[in-house]
Amino acid sequence: MDLLRDVVLLITHSGDFFTIDRVAEALSKKGAQPFRLDTDKFPLEVQMTARFDKSKSYHTLEYGTHSISTEQVQAVWMRRIWEPDLSKELAPQFREACVRESQATLDGFWDSLREARWVDNLERINVAHNKLLQLRVASVVGFVIPQTLITNKAESAREFFQQVNGKMVSKLLTTLSRSMEATSFFLYTSTVKEEDLLDAESLRYCPMVFQEQIPKQSELRVVYVNGNVFVGALDADVYAGAVDWRKPGVEVGAWQHYKLPDEVVNRLKIFMGKLGLLFGALDFIVTPSGEYVFLEINPIGEWGMLEKDLDLPISSAIADALIS
């Protein structure tokens, strides 16, 4: 079994492609040694060992024909974590326990890498996923944000609907999908009609996010990598009937190059600094009047379509952030 040196660990899953390959290729060109860990393959195909004595701990990981130890890992790219792909022959009660123990073991392995350079730190990623925090910080740094209500109270939702003159959308605080693939289980941003609120009492089981529907000239996917900003724009007229361009089946047209004003870039850098993140994929709306409205940030969001369609060097920037 080969023992790799000066490793950059790429944490992902077996269904990942393109972005993971581009970052691995960029790292190799820059003289680093990428090591891909498909988290869904642990524990069936990935072996992990942790040993502790009085003065030191030892962690090793074996996957395929390669083996690494904690000491070899210089940097970590947190791309995705998926739960174990375990045998369907396992009884449900055993499967739950195996998943729990496997995830706990991985958590211990992540902790053993705390001295490595992370893009990004798991704790910061988990905090940054909070959409309420995102909106608060965005407002603090001066971004325009939509009027927003989060509630499990039906009457509050109905009052907000009137407040925004019936121009309202709904979304969840948490992501239900593991990717942007069409097969994912994902609740997309949806238009709310007055009749939808007739049964709003069901909110008592699950609070939801309601926002004013912002008029669009274009939508931006802004990718931030360690001070570098890459932007792709979609012409909202092309998919005028759709609220969420990410929804499967929506024909969005071609991604276009776009340059953000310096003021927006400066606020973006302050925003990312407050979140403590080196990477983020952010969504903005540009209104017909030219106003930039912040929607959200995904700290492990997608960017492959921008590199593929616009030839933006995002993978190279991520590699630089890892080995700088």
C-alpha atoms as a PDB file:
ATOM      1  CA  MET A   1       0.000   0.000   0.000  1.00  0.00           C
ATOM      2  CA  ASP A   2       1.354   3.437  -1.006  1.00  0.00           C
ATOM      3  CA  LEU A   3       2.012   5.971   1.772  1.00  0.00           C
ATOM      4  CA  LEU A   4       1.409   9.470   0.427  1.00  0.00           C
ATOM      5  CA  ARG A   5       3.317  12.600   1.467  1.00  0.00           C
ATOM      6  CA  ASP A   6       2.249  16.258   1.866  1.00  0.00           C
ATOM      7  CA  VAL A   7      -1.403  15.380   1.384  1.00  0.00           C
ATOM      8  CA  VAL A   8      -4.360  17.659   0.708  1.00  0.00           C
ATOM      9  CA  LEU A   9      -7.443  15.749   1.838  1.00  0.00           C
ATOM     10  CA  LEU A  10     -10.559  16.231  -0.313  1.00  0.00           C
ATOM     11  CA  ILE A  11     -13.676  15.290   1.661  1.00  0.00           C
ATOM     12  CA  THR A  12     -16.545  14.368  -0.657  1.00  0.00           C
ATOM     13  CA  HIS A  13     -18.744  11.428  -1.755  1.00  0.00           C
ATOM     14  CA  SER A  14     -18.682   8.792  -4.476  1.00  0.00           C
ATOM     15  CA  GLY A  15     -21.263  10.578  -6.652  1.00  0.00           C
ATOM     16  CA  ASP A  16     -19.204  13.765  -6.882  1.00  0.00           C
ATOM     17  CA  PHE A  17     -17.619  14.697 -10.200  1.00  0.00           C
ATOM     18  CA  PHE A  18     -16.168  17.579 -12.199  1.00  0.00           C
ATOM     19  CA  THR A  19     -15.547  20.068  -9.357  1.00  0.00           C
ATOM     20  CA  ILE A  20     -13.720  17.479  -7.239  1.00  0.00           C
ATOM     21  CA  ASP A  21     -11.712  16.371 -10.273  1.00  0.00           C
ATOM     22  CA  ARG A  22     -10.811  19.932 -11.246  1.00  0.00           C
ATOM     23  CA  VAL A  23      -9.578  20.791  -7.752  1.00  0.00           C
ATOM     24  CA  ALA A  24      -7.548  17.552  -7.575  1.00  0.00           C
ATOM     25  CA  GLU A  25      -6.025  18.327 -10.980  1.00  0.00           C
ATOM     26  CA  ALA A  26      -5.185  21.899  -9.937  1.00  0.00           C
ATOM     27  CA  LEU A  27      -3.506  20.670  -6.756  1.00  0.00           C
ATOM     28  CA  SER A  28      -1.424  18.148  -8.671  1.00  0.00           C
ATOM     29  CA  LYS A  29      -0.262  20.835 -11.116  1.00  0.00           C
ATOM     30  CA  LYS A  30       0.825  22.962  -8.157  1.00  0.00           C
ATOM     31  CA  GLY A  31       2.895  20.103  -6.711  1.00  0.00           C
ATOM     32  CA  ALA A  32       0.500  18.973  -3.980  1.00  0.00           C
ATOM     33  CA  GLN A  33      -0.791  15.414  -3.434  1.00  0.00           C
ATOM     34  CA  PRO A  34      -4.620  15.217  -3.413  1.00  0.00           C
ATOM     35  CA  PHE A  35      -6.285  12.370  -1.518  1.00  0.00           C
ATOM     36  CA  ARG A  36      -9.995  11.885  -2.187  1.00  0.00           C
ATOM     37  CA  LEU A  37     -12.102  10.548   0.673  1.00  0.00           C
ATOM     38  CA  ASP A  38     -15.603   9.449  -0.314  1.00  0.00           C
ATOM     39  CA  THR A  39     -17.369   9.661   3.027  1.00  0.00           C
ATOM     40  CA  ASP A  40     -20.244   7.404   1.965  1.00  0.00           C
ATOM     41  CA  LYS A  41     -17.724   4.578   1.455  1.00  0.00           C
ATOM     42  CA  PHE A  42     -16.812   4.535   5.149  1.00  0.00           C
ATOM     43  CA  PRO A  43     -16.865   2.039   6.808  1.00  0.00           C
ATOM     44  CA  LEU A  44     -17.432  -0.598   4.102  1.00  0.00           C
ATOM     45  CA  GLU A  45     -14.608   0.416   1.746  1.00  0.00           C
ATOM     46  CA  VAL A  46     -12.566   2.853   3.829  1.00  0.00           C
ATOM     47  CA  GLN A  47     -10.620   1.661   6.858  1.00  0.00           C
ATOM     48  CA  MET A  48      -9.830   4.048   9.685  1.00  0.00           C
ATOM     49  CA  THR A  49      -7.767   3.472  12.815  1.00  0.00           C
ATOM     50  CA  ALA A  50      -7.153   5.721  15.822  1.00  0.00           C
ATOM     51  CA  ARG A  51      -4.730   4.863  18.617  1.00  0.00           C
ATOM     52  CA  PHE A  52      -3.995   6.807  21.774  1.00  0.00           C
ATOM     53  CA  ASP A  53      -1.221   6.468  24.308  1.00  0.00           C
ATOM     54  CA  LYS A  54      -0.063   8.664  27.171  1.00  0.00           C
ATOM     55  CA  SER A  55       1.580  11.331  25.029  1.00  0.00           C
ATOM     56  CA  LYS A  56       0.314  11.028  21.466  1.00  0.00           C
ATOM     57  CA  SER A  57      -2.526   9.945  19.212  1.00  0.00           C
ATOM     58  CA  TYR A  58      -2.188   8.169  15.884  1.00  0.00           C
ATOM     59  CA  HIS A  59      -4.802   8.255  13.121  1.00  0.00           C
ATOM     60  CA  THR A  60      -4.563   6.404   9.812  1.00  0.00           C
ATOM     61  CA  LEU A  61      -6.914   6.059   6.881  1.00  0.00           C
ATOM     62  CA  GLU A  62      -6.816   3.484   4.086  1.00  0.00           C
ATOM     63  CA  TYR A  63      -8.812   3.790   0.862  1.00  0.00           C
ATOM     64  CA  GLY A  64      -8.105   1.755  -2.232  1.00  0.00           C
ATOM     65  CA  THR A  65      -4.360   1.334  -2.647  1.00  0.00           C
ATOM     66  CA  HIS A  66      -3.389   4.385  -0.609  1.00  0.00           C
ATOM     67  CA  SER A  67      -2.927   5.120   3.060  1.00  0.00           C
ATOM     68  CA  ILE A  68      -2.503   8.419   4.919  1.00  0.00           C
ATOM     69  CA  SER A  69      -1.920   9.471   8.505  1.00  0.00           C
ATOM     70  CA  THR A  70      -2.903  12.654  10.276  1.00  0.00           C
ATOM     71  CA  GLU A  71       0.676  13.942  10.212  1.00  0.00           C
ATOM     72  CA  GLN A  72       0.774  13.862   6.401  1.00  0.00           C
ATOM     73  CA  VAL A  73      -2.303  16.028   5.857  1.00  0.00           C
ATOM     74  CA  GLN A  74      -1.347  19.640   5.228  1.00  0.00           C
ATOM     75  CA  ALA A  75      -4.776  20.927   4.205  1.00  0.00           C
ATOM     76  CA  VAL A  76      -8.414  19.834   3.950  1.00  0.00           C
ATOM     77  CA  TRP A  77     -11.100  20.817   1.431  1.00  0.00           C
ATOM     78  CA  MET A  78     -14.550  20.301   2.928  1.00  0.00           C
ATOM     79  CA  ARG A  79     -16.635  19.603  -0.155  1.00  0.00           C
ATOM     80  CA  ARG A  80     -19.403  17.280   1.126  1.00  0.00           C
ATOM     81  CA  ILE A  81     -20.095  14.728   3.875  1.00  0.00           C
ATOM     82  CA  TRP A  82     -22.570  11.948   3.135  1.00  0.00           C
ATOM     83  CA  GLU A  83     -23.801   9.276   5.486  1.00  0.00           C
ATOM     84  CA  PRO A  84     -22.501   5.707   5.077  1.00  0.00           C
ATOM     85  CA  ASP A  85     -23.803   3.593   2.212  1.00  0.00           C
ATOM     86  CA  LEU A  86     -24.478   0.471   4.249  1.00  0.00           C
ATOM     87  CA  SER A  87     -25.859  -2.900   3.272  1.00  0.00           C
ATOM     88  CA  LYS A  88     -29.638  -3.054   3.012  1.00  0.00           C
ATOM     89  CA  GLU A  89     -29.378  -6.453   4.717  1.00  0.00           C
ATOM     90  CA  LEU A  90     -28.718  -4.703   8.024  1.00  0.00           C
ATOM     91  CA  ALA A  91     -31.738  -4.594  10.315  1.00  0.00           C
ATOM     92  CA  PRO A  92     -32.949  -0.985  10.810  1.00  0.00           C
ATOM     93  CA  GLN A  93     -31.924  -0.860  14.477  1.00  0.00           C
ATOM     94  CA  PHE A  94     -28.388  -1.993  13.626  1.00  0.00           C
ATOM     95  CA  ARG A  95     -28.121   0.298  10.634  1.00  0.00           C
ATOM     96  CA  GLU A  96     -28.946   3.345  12.738  1.00  0.00           C
ATOM     97  CA  ALA A  97     -26.292   2.385  15.283  1.00  0.00           C
ATOM     98  CA  CYS A  98     -23.687   1.726  12.558  1.00  0.00           C
ATOM     99  CA  VAL A  99     -24.367   5.105  10.915  1.00  0.00           C
ATOM    100  CA  ARG A 100     -24.117   6.874  14.271  1.00  0.00           C
ATOM    101  CA  GLU A 101     -20.857   5.162  15.217  1.00  0.00           C
ATOM    102  CA  SER A 102     -19.357   5.736  11.776  1.00  0.00           C
ATOM    103  CA  GLN A 103     -20.177   9.432  11.869  1.00  0.00           C
ATOM    104  CA  ALA A 104     -18.727   9.711  15.377  1.00  0.00           C
ATOM    105  CA  THR A 105     -15.526   8.055  14.158  1.00  0.00           C
ATOM    106  CA  LEU A 106     -15.283  10.504  11.261  1.00  0.00           C
ATOM    107  CA  ASP A 107     -15.830  13.390  13.688  1.00  0.00           C
ATOM    108  CA  GLY A 108     -12.843  12.127  15.652  1.00  0.00           C
ATOM    109  CA  PHE A 109     -10.759  11.961  12.486  1.00  0.00           C
ATOM    110  CA  TRP A 110     -11.698  15.565  11.592  1.00  0.00           C
ATOM    111  CA  ASP A 111     -10.594  16.619  15.072  1.00  0.00           C
ATOM    112  CA  SER A 112      -7.223  14.951  14.538  1.00  0.00           C
ATOM    113  CA  LEU A 113      -6.746  17.284  11.551  1.00  0.00           C
ATOM    114  CA  ARG A 114      -7.371  20.483  13.498  1.00  0.00           C
ATOM    115  CA  GLU A 115      -3.810  21.729  12.836  1.00  0.00           C
ATOM    116  CA  ALA A 116      -4.257  21.454   9.061  1.00  0.00           C
ATOM    117  CA  ARG A 117      -5.481  24.345   6.900  1.00  0.00           C
ATOM    118  CA  TRP A 118      -9.199  23.919   6.224  1.00  0.00           C
ATOM    119  CA  VAL A 119     -11.319  25.349   3.423  1.00  0.00           C
ATOM    120  CA  ASP A 120     -13.403  25.638   5.418  1.00  0.00           C
ATOM    121  CA  ASN A 121     -13.462  24.912   9.145  1.00  0.00           C
ATOM    122  CA  LEU A 122     -16.396  22.587   9.866  1.00  0.00           C
ATOM    123  CA  GLU A 123     -17.643  24.565  12.839  1.00  0.00           C
ATOM    124  CA  ARG A 124     -17.690  27.766  10.815  1.00  0.00           C
ATOM    125  CA  ILE A 125     -19.475  26.018   7.956  1.00  0.00           C
ATOM    126  CA  ASN A 126     -22.151  24.717  10.316  1.00  0.00           C
ATOM    127  CA  VAL A 127     -22.668  28.165  11.838  1.00  0.00           C
ATOM    128  CA  ALA A 128     -22.755  29.859   8.432  1.00  0.00           C
ATOM    129  CA  HIS A 129     -25.525  27.529   7.200  1.00  0.00           C
ATOM    130  CA  ASN A 130     -27.924  29.360   9.540  1.00  0.00           C
ATOM    131  CA  LYS A 131     -30.018  31.560   7.238  1.00  0.00           C
ATOM    132  CA  LEU A 132     -31.141  33.817  10.082  1.00  0.00           C
ATOM    133  CA  LEU A 133     -27.516  34.558  10.930  1.00  0.00           C
ATOM    134  CA  GLN A 134     -26.774  35.124   7.232  1.00  0.00           C
ATOM    135  CA  LEU A 135     -29.493  37.742   6.932  1.00  0.00           C
ATOM    136  CA  ARG A 136     -28.415  39.484  10.117  1.00  0.00           C
ATOM    137  CA  VAL A 137     -24.761  39.683   9.076  1.00  0.00           C
ATOM    138  CA  ALA A 138     -25.697  40.706   5.523  1.00  0.00           C
ATOM    139  CA  SER A 139     -27.746  43.567   6.909  1.00  0.00           C
ATOM    140  CA  VAL A 140     -24.934  44.602   9.272  1.00  0.00           C
ATOM    141  CA  VAL A 141     -22.417  44.920   6.408  1.00  0.00           C
ATOM    142  CA  GLY A 142     -24.860  46.975   4.337  1.00  0.00           C
ATOM    143  CA  PHE A 143     -26.354  44.490   1.897  1.00  0.00           C
ATOM    144  CA  VAL A 144     -29.973  45.003   0.898  1.00  0.00           C
ATOM    145  CA  ILE A 145     -32.023  41.981   2.013  1.00  0.00           C
ATOM    146  CA  PRO A 146     -35.658  41.003   1.301  1.00  0.00           C
ATOM    147  CA  GLN A 147     -38.320  41.638   3.919  1.00  0.00           C
ATOM    148  CA  THR A 148     -38.378  38.299   5.737  1.00  0.00           C
ATOM    149  CA  LEU A 149     -40.612  36.471   8.179  1.00  0.00           C
ATOM    150  CA  ILE A 150     -39.835  33.161   9.878  1.00  0.00           C
ATOM    151  CA  THR A 151     -42.800  31.799  11.763  1.00  0.00           C
ATOM    152  CA  ASN A 152     -44.859  28.813  12.812  1.00  0.00           C
ATOM    153  CA  LYS A 153     -47.889  31.074  13.378  1.00  0.00           C
ATOM    154  CA  ALA A 154     -50.501  31.033  10.628  1.00  0.00           C
ATOM    155  CA  GLU A 155     -51.877  34.492  11.371  1.00  0.00           C
ATOM    156  CA  SER A 156     -48.419  36.047  11.140  1.00  0.00           C
ATOM    157  CA  ALA A 157     -47.926  34.490   7.685  1.00  0.00           C
ATOM    158  CA  ARG A 158     -51.289  35.881   6.512  1.00  0.00           C
ATOM    159  CA  GLU A 159     -50.469  39.354   7.851  1.00  0.00           C
ATOM    160  CA  PHE A 160     -47.082  39.296   6.120  1.00  0.00           C
ATOM    161  CA  PHE A 161     -48.757  38.307   2.851  1.00  0.00           C
ATOM    162  CA  GLN A 162     -50.841  41.478   3.019  1.00  0.00           C
ATOM    163  CA  GLN A 163     -47.811  43.552   4.054  1.00  0.00           C
ATOM    164  CA  VAL A 164     -45.906  42.584   0.883  1.00  0.00           C
ATOM    165  CA  ASN A 165     -49.022  43.085  -1.274  1.00  0.00           C
ATOM    166  CA  GLY A 166     -49.350  39.402  -2.105  1.00  0.00           C
ATOM    167  CA  LYS A 167     -45.839  39.170  -3.581  1.00  0.00           C
ATOM    168  CA  MET A 168     -44.484  36.417  -1.332  1.00  0.00           C
ATOM    169  CA  VAL A 169     -42.288  33.339  -1.614  1.00  0.00           C
ATOM    170  CA  SER A 170     -41.557  30.532   0.842  1.00  0.00           C
ATOM    171  CA  LYS A 171     -38.490  28.416   1.575  1.00  0.00           C
ATOM    172  CA  LEU A 172     -36.986  26.275   4.315  1.00  0.00           C
ATOM    173  CA  LEU A 173     -34.227  27.265   6.723  1.00  0.00           C
ATOM    174  CA  THR A 174     -32.379  24.014   6.029  1.00  0.00           C
ATOM    175  CA  THR A 175     -31.410  22.246   2.814  1.00  0.00           C
ATOM    176  CA  LEU A 176     -33.020  18.863   2.260  1.00  0.00           C
ATOM    177  CA  SER A 177     -30.848  17.921  -0.690  1.00  0.00           C
ATOM    178  CA  ARG A 178     -27.249  16.738  -0.821  1.00  0.00           C
ATOM    179  CA  SER A 179     -26.594  18.322  -4.204  1.00  0.00           C
ATOM    180  CA  MET A 180     -28.222  20.218  -7.042  1.00  0.00           C
ATOM    181  CA  GLU A 181     -28.894  17.071  -9.041  1.00  0.00           C
ATOM    182  CA  ALA A 182     -32.391  16.656 -10.437  1.00  0.00           C
ATOM    183  CA  THR A 183     -32.899  13.489  -8.406  1.00  0.00           C
ATOM    184  CA  SER A 184     -32.335  15.259  -5.096  1.00  0.00           C
ATOM    185  CA  PHE A 185     -35.050  15.768  -2.522  1.00  0.00           C
ATOM    186  CA  PHE A 186     -35.092  19.541  -2.308  1.00  0.00           C
ATOM    187  CA  LEU A 187     -37.781  22.080  -1.460  1.00  0.00           C
ATOM    188  CA  TYR A 188     -37.247  24.971  -3.830  1.00  0.00           C
ATOM    189  CA  THR A 189     -38.219  28.580  -3.305  1.00  0.00           C
ATOM    190  CA  SER A 190     -41.908  28.743  -4.231  1.00  0.00           C
ATOM    191  CA  THR A 191     -44.489  31.431  -4.859  1.00  0.00           C
ATOM    192  CA  VAL A 192     -47.170  31.674  -2.162  1.00  0.00           C
ATOM    193  CA  LYS A 193     -50.743  32.401  -3.222  1.00  0.00           C
ATOM    194  CA  GLU A 194     -53.528  33.542  -0.935  1.00  0.00           C
ATOM    195  CA  GLU A 195     -55.297  30.182  -1.179  1.00  0.00           C
ATOM    196  CA  ASP A 196     -52.098  28.478   0.018  1.00  0.00           C
ATOM    197  CA  LEU A 197     -52.519  30.242   3.351  1.00  0.00           C
ATOM    198  CA  LEU A 198     -55.985  28.806   3.962  1.00  0.00           C
ATOM    199  CA  ASP A 199     -54.307  25.728   5.423  1.00  0.00           C
ATOM    200  CA  ALA A 200     -51.486  27.655   7.076  1.00  0.00           C
ATOM    201  CA  GLU A 201     -52.347  26.168  10.484  1.00  0.00           C
ATOM    202  CA  SER A 202     -50.034  23.300   9.514  1.00  0.00           C
ATOM    203  CA  LEU A 203     -47.172  25.723  10.194  1.00  0.00           C
ATOM    204  CA  ARG A 204     -47.455  24.747  13.854  1.00  0.00           C
ATOM    205  CA  TYR A 205     -45.651  21.534  12.912  1.00  0.00           C
ATOM    206  CA  CYS A 206     -42.838  23.210  10.973  1.00  0.00           C
ATOM    207  CA  PRO A 207     -41.872  26.892  10.824  1.00  0.00           C
ATOM    208  CA  MET A 208     -41.091  28.298   7.385  1.00  0.00           C
ATOM    209  CA  VAL A 209     -39.351  31.276   5.851  1.00  0.00           C
ATOM    210  CA  PHE A 210     -41.490  33.809   3.999  1.00  0.00           C
ATOM    211  CA  GLN A 211     -39.974  36.638   1.974  1.00  0.00           C
ATOM    212  CA  GLU A 212     -41.155  39.397  -0.284  1.00  0.00           C
ATOM    213  CA  GLN A 213     -40.763  38.424  -3.932  1.00  0.00           C
ATOM    214  CA  ILE A 214     -38.048  40.633  -5.396  1.00  0.00           C
ATOM    215  CA  PRO A 215     -38.401  41.757  -9.040  1.00  0.00           C
ATOM    216  CA  LYS A 216     -35.510  40.402 -11.109  1.00  0.00           C
ATOM    217  CA  GLN A 217     -33.457  41.674 -13.978  1.00  0.00           C
ATOM    218  CA  SER A 218     -30.881  38.954 -13.414  1.00  0.00           C
ATOM    219  CA  GLU A 219     -29.725  36.483 -10.778  1.00  0.00           C
ATOM    220  CA  LEU A 220     -26.116  36.102  -9.775  1.00  0.00           C
ATOM    221  CA  ARG A 221     -24.161  33.149  -8.431  1.00  0.00           C
ATOM    222  CA  VAL A 222     -21.155  34.745  -6.739  1.00  0.00           C
ATOM    223  CA  VAL A 223     -18.297  32.457  -5.715  1.00  0.00           C
ATOM    224  CA  TYR A 224     -15.852  33.808  -3.153  1.00  0.00           C
ATOM    225  CA  VAL A 225     -12.480  32.081  -2.709  1.00  0.00           C
ATOM    226  CA  ASN A 226     -10.006  33.598  -0.254  1.00  0.00           C
ATOM    227  CA  GLY A 227     -10.482  37.173  -1.470  1.00  0.00           C
ATOM    228  CA  ASN A 228     -11.124  36.287  -5.117  1.00  0.00           C
ATOM    229  CA  VAL A 229     -14.604  36.833  -6.546  1.00  0.00           C
ATOM    230  CA  PHE A 230     -16.073  34.941  -9.514  1.00  0.00           C
ATOM    231  CA  VAL A 231     -19.529  35.770 -10.867  1.00  0.00           C
ATOM    232  CA  GLY A 232     -22.012  34.186 -13.239  1.00  0.00           C
ATOM    233  CA  ALA A 233     -25.284  35.857 -14.235  1.00  0.00           C
ATOM    234  CA  LEU A 234     -28.580  34.525 -15.543  1.00  0.00           C
ATOM    235  CA  ASP A 235     -31.027  36.679 -17.505  1.00  0.00           C
ATOM    236  CA  ALA A 236     -34.263  36.439 -15.509  1.00  0.00           C
ATOM    237  CA  ASP A 237     -36.362  37.105 -18.623  1.00  0.00           C
ATOM    238  CA  VAL A 238     -35.359  33.683 -19.977  1.00  0.00           C
ATOM    239  CA  TYR A 239     -37.066  31.845 -17.087  1.00  0.00           C
ATOM    240  CA  ALA A 240     -39.619  34.507 -16.142  1.00  0.00           C
ATOM    241  CA  GLY A 241     -42.208  31.938 -15.032  1.00  0.00           C
ATOM    242  CA  ALA A 242     -39.900  30.245 -12.508  1.00  0.00           C
ATOM    243  CA  VAL A 243     -39.117  31.515  -9.022  1.00  0.00           C
ATOM    244  CA  ASP A 244     -36.050  29.308  -8.447  1.00  0.00           C
ATOM    245  CA  TRP A 245     -33.546  28.753 -11.283  1.00  0.00           C
ATOM    246  CA  ARG A 246     -32.150  25.671  -9.496  1.00  0.00           C
ATOM    247  CA  LYS A 247     -35.382  23.702  -9.908  1.00  0.00           C
ATOM    248  CA  PRO A 248     -35.062  20.720 -12.301  1.00  0.00           C
ATOM    249  CA  GLY A 249     -36.599  21.373 -15.700  1.00  0.00           C
ATOM    250  CA  VAL A 250     -36.171  25.145 -15.595  1.00  0.00           C
ATOM    251  CA  GLU A 251     -34.512  26.372 -18.797  1.00  0.00           C
ATOM    252  CA  VAL A 252     -32.282  29.172 -17.545  1.00  0.00           C
ATOM    253  CA  GLY A 253     -30.387  29.999 -20.708  1.00  0.00           C
ATOM    254  CA  ALA A 254     -26.658  30.596 -20.811  1.00  0.00           C
ATOM    255  CA  TRP A 255     -24.540  31.765 -17.898  1.00  0.00           C
ATOM    256  CA  GLN A 256     -22.983  35.135 -18.619  1.00  0.00           C
ATOM    257  CA  HIS A 257     -19.881  36.877 -17.300  1.00  0.00           C
ATOM    258  CA  TYR A 258     -20.641  39.656 -14.844  1.00  0.00           C
ATOM    259  CA  LYS A 259     -18.603  42.249 -12.938  1.00  0.00           C
ATOM    260  CA  LEU A 260     -19.766  43.344  -9.496  1.00  0.00           C
ATOM    261  CA  PRO A 261     -19.386  46.986  -8.461  1.00  0.00           C
ATOM    262  CA  ASP A 262     -16.451  47.606  -6.117  1.00  0.00           C
ATOM    263  CA  GLU A 263     -18.835  48.593  -3.322  1.00  0.00           C
ATOM    264  CA  VAL A 264     -20.559  45.196  -3.461  1.00  0.00           C
ATOM    265  CA  VAL A 265     -17.215  43.362  -3.596  1.00  0.00           C
ATOM    266  CA  ASN A 266     -15.941  45.264  -0.557  1.00  0.00           C
ATOM    267  CA  ARG A 267     -19.085  44.435   1.427  1.00  0.00           C
ATOM    268  CA  LEU A 268     -18.785  40.822   0.311  1.00  0.00           C
ATOM    269  CA  LYS A 269     -15.249  40.596   1.690  1.00  0.00           C
ATOM    270  CA  ILE A 270     -16.357  42.071   5.015  1.00  0.00           C
ATOM    271  CA  PHE A 271     -19.317  39.660   5.101  1.00  0.00           C
ATOM    272  CA  MET A 272     -17.073  36.630   4.509  1.00  0.00           C
ATOM    273  CA  GLY A 273     -14.630  37.883   7.135  1.00  0.00           C
ATOM    274  CA  LYS A 274     -17.390  38.106   9.717  1.00  0.00           C
ATOM    275  CA  LEU A 275     -18.389  34.504   8.933  1.00  0.00           C
ATOM    276  CA  GLY A 276     -14.738  33.420   9.055  1.00  0.00           C
ATOM    277  CA  LEU A 277     -15.003  31.646   5.696  1.00  0.00           C
ATOM    278  CA  LEU A 278     -12.477  31.319   2.873  1.00  0.00           C
ATOM    279  CA  PHE A 279     -15.125  29.963   0.480  1.00  0.00           C
ATOM    280  CA  GLY A 280     -18.786  30.581  -0.208  1.00  0.00           C
ATOM    281  CA  ALA A 281     -21.342  30.459  -3.031  1.00  0.00           C
ATOM    282  CA  LEU A 282     -23.737  33.388  -2.718  1.00  0.00           C
ATOM    283  CA  ASP A 283     -26.970  34.237  -4.503  1.00  0.00           C
ATOM    284  CA  PHE A 284     -27.989  37.793  -5.366  1.00  0.00           C
ATOM    285  CA  ILE A 285     -30.815  39.346  -7.353  1.00  0.00           C
ATOM    286  CA  VAL A 286     -30.194  42.408  -9.504  1.00  0.00           C
ATOM    287  CA  THR A 287     -33.472  44.339  -9.690  1.00  0.00           C
ATOM    288  CA  PRO A 288     -34.646  46.258 -12.801  1.00  0.00           C
ATOM    289  CA  SER A 289     -33.545  49.449 -11.016  1.00  0.00           C
ATOM    290  CA  GLY A 290     -30.021  48.048 -10.589  1.00  0.00           C
ATOM    291  CA  GLU A 291     -30.197  47.283  -6.858  1.00  0.00           C
ATOM    292  CA  TYR A 292     -28.283  44.277  -5.525  1.00  0.00           C
ATOM    293  CA  VAL A 293     -30.319  42.143  -3.120  1.00  0.00           C
ATOM    294  CA  PHE A 294     -28.601  39.461  -1.021  1.00  0.00           C
ATOM    295  CA  LEU A 295     -30.515  36.174  -0.803  1.00  0.00           C
ATOM    296  CA  GLU A 296     -28.224  33.642   0.890  1.00  0.00           C
ATOM    297  CA  ILE A 297     -24.834  31.984   1.077  1.00  0.00           C
ATOM    298  CA  ASN A 298     -24.067  28.283   0.851  1.00  0.00           C
ATOM    299  CA  PRO A 299     -20.647  27.700   2.479  1.00  0.00           C
ATOM    300  CA  ILE A 300     -20.211  24.501   0.440  1.00  0.00           C
ATOM    301  CA  GLY A 301     -22.225  25.628  -2.585  1.00  0.00           C
ATOM    302  CA  GLU A 302     -21.970  24.673  -6.246  1.00  0.00           C
ATOM    303  CA  TRP A 303     -19.760  26.448  -8.775  1.00  0.00           C
ATOM    304  CA  GLY A 304     -18.911  23.849 -11.417  1.00  0.00           C
ATOM    305  CA  MET A 305     -21.310  25.350 -13.951  1.00  0.00           C
ATOM    306  CA  LEU A 306     -19.440  28.663 -13.806  1.00  0.00           C
ATOM    307  CA  GLU A 307     -16.043  27.068 -14.386  1.00  0.00           C
ATOM    308  CA  LYS A 308     -17.412  24.841 -17.120  1.00  0.00           C
ATOM    309  CA  ASP A 309     -19.473  27.422 -19.002  1.00  0.00           C
ATOM    310  CA  LEU A 310     -17.465  30.599 -18.353  1.00  0.00           C
ATOM    311  CA  ASP A 311     -13.973  29.124 -17.924  1.00  0.00           C
ATOM    312  CA  LEU A 312     -13.596  30.830 -14.543  1.00  0.00           C
ATOM    313  CA  PRO A 313     -10.521  29.486 -12.666  1.00  0.00           C
ATOM    314  CA  ILE A 314     -12.350  28.642  -9.451  1.00  0.00           C
ATOM    315  CA  SER A 315     -10.696  25.255  -8.936  1.00  0.00           C
ATOM    316  CA  SER A 316      -7.273  26.844  -9.231  1.00  0.00           C
ATOM    317  CA  ALA A 317      -8.227  29.492  -6.660  1.00  0.00           C
ATOM    318  CA  ILE A 318      -9.420  26.774  -4.258  1.00  0.00           C
ATOM    319  CA  ALA A 319      -6.148  24.892  -4.738  1.00  0.00           C
ATOM    320  CA  ASP A 320      -4.206  28.095  -4.012  1.00  0.00           C
ATOM    321  CA  ALA A 321      -6.279  28.686  -0.880  1.00  0.00           C
ATOM    322  CA  LEU A 322      -5.459  25.170   0.314  1.00  0.00           C
ATOM    323  CA  ILE A 323      -1.707  25.304  -0.214  1.00  0.00           C
ATOM    324  CA  SER A 324      -1.025  29.003   0.410  1.00  0.00           C
END
